[in-house]
Amino acid sequence: MPKPSKPAPDVDAFVDGLPPKQREPAALLVGCIRKVKPRLEEGIKWNAPSFKHSGDDRLTLNLSAKDRVRVILHCGAKAVPKRDTRLIDSDSELLEWASNDRAIITFKSADEVRAAERELASIFKAWIAASST
């Protein structure tokens, strides 16, 4: 008989367990993401908080470096057809485009996140809308 799998930690418990340098920026980013409408399904994937819309990953924190927190904006774990244009029309300097359907936002402090909260809300809403069509 197989062992029952352990439930994944919830996002808040996971963030609470992060090293101090990442904890506050990650908590602020999770708060920004939670304000996105429609509400996103959240969990832990790739050893970080990840947020899904309609069953597909869309926003995932990247915590691999100890001195920063990244938000990966993507279109799920599966390969998608190449796009000729960027998924969202944004001139935000926060966005580092890895490809036309994948962008990265990097923060080194909670103050940087706070300064960008309004812009993040706009980016996250646009990303969810564009990646879910």
Protein backbone atom coordinates (compact mmCIF):
# COMPACT_ATOMS: atom_id res chain seq x y z
CA MET A 1 0.00 0.00 0.00
CA PRO A 2 1.54 3.36 -1.00
CA LYS A 3 2.19 5.95 1.66
CA PRO A 4 -0.14 8.93 1.55
CA SER A 5 1.68 11.97 0.24
CA LYS A 6 2.38 14.81 2.63
CA PRO A 7 0.25 17.86 1.95
CA ALA A 8 2.20 20.74 0.49
CA PRO A 9 2.80 23.59 2.91
CA ASP A 10 0.56 26.54 2.37
CA VAL A 11 2.08 29.63 0.86
CA ASP A 12 2.04 31.67 4.08
CA ALA A 13 3.80 28.93 6.06
CA PHE A 14 6.35 28.54 3.29
CA VAL A 15 7.08 32.29 3.16
CA ASP A 16 7.32 32.44 6.97
CA GLY A 17 10.11 29.86 6.77
CA LEU A 18 12.24 31.82 4.30
CA PRO A 19 15.53 33.44 5.32
CA PRO A 20 15.05 37.03 6.56
CA LYS A 21 16.51 38.65 3.39
CA GLN A 22 13.78 36.97 1.27
CA ARG A 23 10.88 36.72 3.72
CA GLU A 24 9.53 40.29 3.61
CA PRO A 25 9.90 40.86 -0.16
CA ALA A 26 8.29 37.47 -0.82
CA ALA A 27 5.41 38.21 1.57
CA LEU A 28 4.78 41.56 -0.11
CA LEU A 29 4.84 39.96 -3.57
CA VAL A 30 2.41 37.25 -2.47
CA GLY A 31 0.12 40.01 -1.17
CA CYS A 32 0.29 41.81 -4.53
CA ILE A 33 -0.47 38.62 -6.43
CA ARG A 34 -3.40 37.82 -4.15
CA LYS A 35 -5.03 41.10 -5.15
CA VAL A 36 -5.23 39.99 -8.80
CA LYS A 37 -8.76 39.30 -9.98
CA PRO A 38 -9.91 36.67 -10.68
CA ARG A 39 -8.41 35.03 -7.64
CA LEU A 40 -5.57 32.69 -8.46
CA GLU A 41 -5.03 29.17 -7.15
CA GLU A 42 -1.91 29.11 -5.02
CA GLY A 43 0.51 26.44 -3.93
CA ILE A 44 4.15 25.50 -3.73
CA LYS A 45 5.82 24.42 -6.96
CA TRP A 46 9.50 24.39 -7.90
CA ASN A 47 10.18 24.99 -4.18
CA ALA A 48 8.49 28.39 -4.23
CA PRO A 49 5.02 29.99 -4.14
CA SER A 50 3.30 29.58 -7.49
CA PHE A 51 -0.03 30.91 -8.71
CA LYS A 52 -2.31 29.34 -11.31
CA HIS A 53 -5.19 30.60 -13.40
CA SER A 54 -7.56 28.00 -14.83
CA GLY A 55 -5.15 25.24 -13.82
CA ASP A 56 -2.06 26.68 -15.52
CA ASP A 57 0.89 28.28 -13.74
CA ARG A 58 1.17 31.99 -14.47
CA LEU A 59 3.18 33.69 -11.69
CA THR A 60 5.91 31.91 -9.73
CA LEU A 61 8.40 33.26 -7.24
CA ASN A 62 12.02 32.25 -7.79
CA LEU A 63 14.02 32.03 -4.59
CA SER A 64 17.18 30.35 -5.87
CA ALA A 65 19.44 33.32 -5.06
CA LYS A 66 19.64 34.28 -1.40
CA ASP A 67 19.99 38.03 -2.05
CA ARG A 68 16.88 38.59 -4.16
CA VAL A 69 13.38 37.44 -4.99
CA ARG A 70 12.20 37.10 -8.55
CA VAL A 71 8.72 36.82 -10.00
CA ILE A 72 8.57 34.68 -13.12
CA LEU A 73 5.66 35.57 -15.39
CA HIS A 74 5.03 32.62 -17.65
CA CYS A 75 2.44 30.60 -19.54
CA GLY A 76 2.67 27.32 -17.65
CA ALA A 77 5.13 24.48 -17.55
CA LYS A 78 4.36 23.18 -21.05
CA ALA A 79 6.01 24.50 -24.18
CA VAL A 80 3.84 26.94 -26.10
CA PRO A 81 4.11 28.04 -29.74
CA LYS A 82 6.58 30.88 -30.26
CA ARG A 83 5.03 34.35 -30.27
CA ASP A 84 6.04 37.14 -32.63
CA THR A 85 5.22 39.84 -30.08
CA ARG A 86 5.42 40.20 -26.32
CA LEU A 87 2.48 38.78 -24.43
CA ILE A 88 1.66 42.14 -22.85
CA ASP A 89 2.24 45.63 -24.14
CA SER A 90 4.24 47.20 -21.34
CA ASP A 91 7.16 49.58 -21.28
CA SER A 92 7.80 48.85 -17.60
CA GLU A 93 11.46 48.85 -16.66
CA LEU A 94 10.63 46.19 -14.08
CA LEU A 95 10.21 43.57 -16.79
CA GLU A 96 13.18 41.62 -18.08
CA TRP A 97 11.93 39.67 -21.09
CA ALA A 98 13.36 36.14 -21.36
CA SER A 99 11.14 35.51 -24.39
CA ASN A 100 7.92 36.99 -25.74
CA ASP A 101 5.88 34.82 -23.36
CA ARG A 102 8.13 34.87 -20.30
CA ALA A 103 9.27 37.82 -18.21
CA ILE A 104 11.16 38.20 -14.94
CA ILE A 105 10.91 40.87 -12.27
CA THR A 106 13.70 41.03 -9.68
CA PHE A 107 13.68 42.65 -6.25
CA LYS A 108 16.54 42.91 -3.77
CA SER A 109 14.55 44.44 -0.92
CA ALA A 110 11.09 44.90 0.51
CA ASP A 111 11.43 48.65 -0.14
CA GLU A 112 11.83 47.96 -3.87
CA VAL A 113 8.63 45.89 -3.82
CA ARG A 114 6.73 48.60 -1.93
CA ALA A 115 7.86 51.23 -4.45
CA ALA A 116 6.58 49.09 -7.33
CA GLU A 117 3.28 47.81 -5.87
CA ARG A 118 0.97 49.89 -8.06
CA GLU A 119 2.93 49.01 -11.21
CA LEU A 120 3.02 45.33 -10.21
CA ALA A 121 -0.76 45.22 -9.85
CA SER A 122 -1.13 46.50 -13.39
CA ILE A 123 1.46 44.09 -14.78
CA PHE A 124 0.02 41.06 -12.98
CA LYS A 125 -3.55 41.81 -14.10
CA ALA A 126 -2.45 42.30 -17.70
CA TRP A 127 -0.39 39.10 -17.61
CA ILE A 128 -3.25 36.98 -16.30
CA ALA A 129 -5.68 38.42 -18.83
CA ALA A 130 -3.31 37.97 -21.80
CA SER A 131 -2.00 34.53 -20.85
CA SER A 132 -5.43 33.08 -20.18
CA THR A 133 -7.01 33.63 -23.59
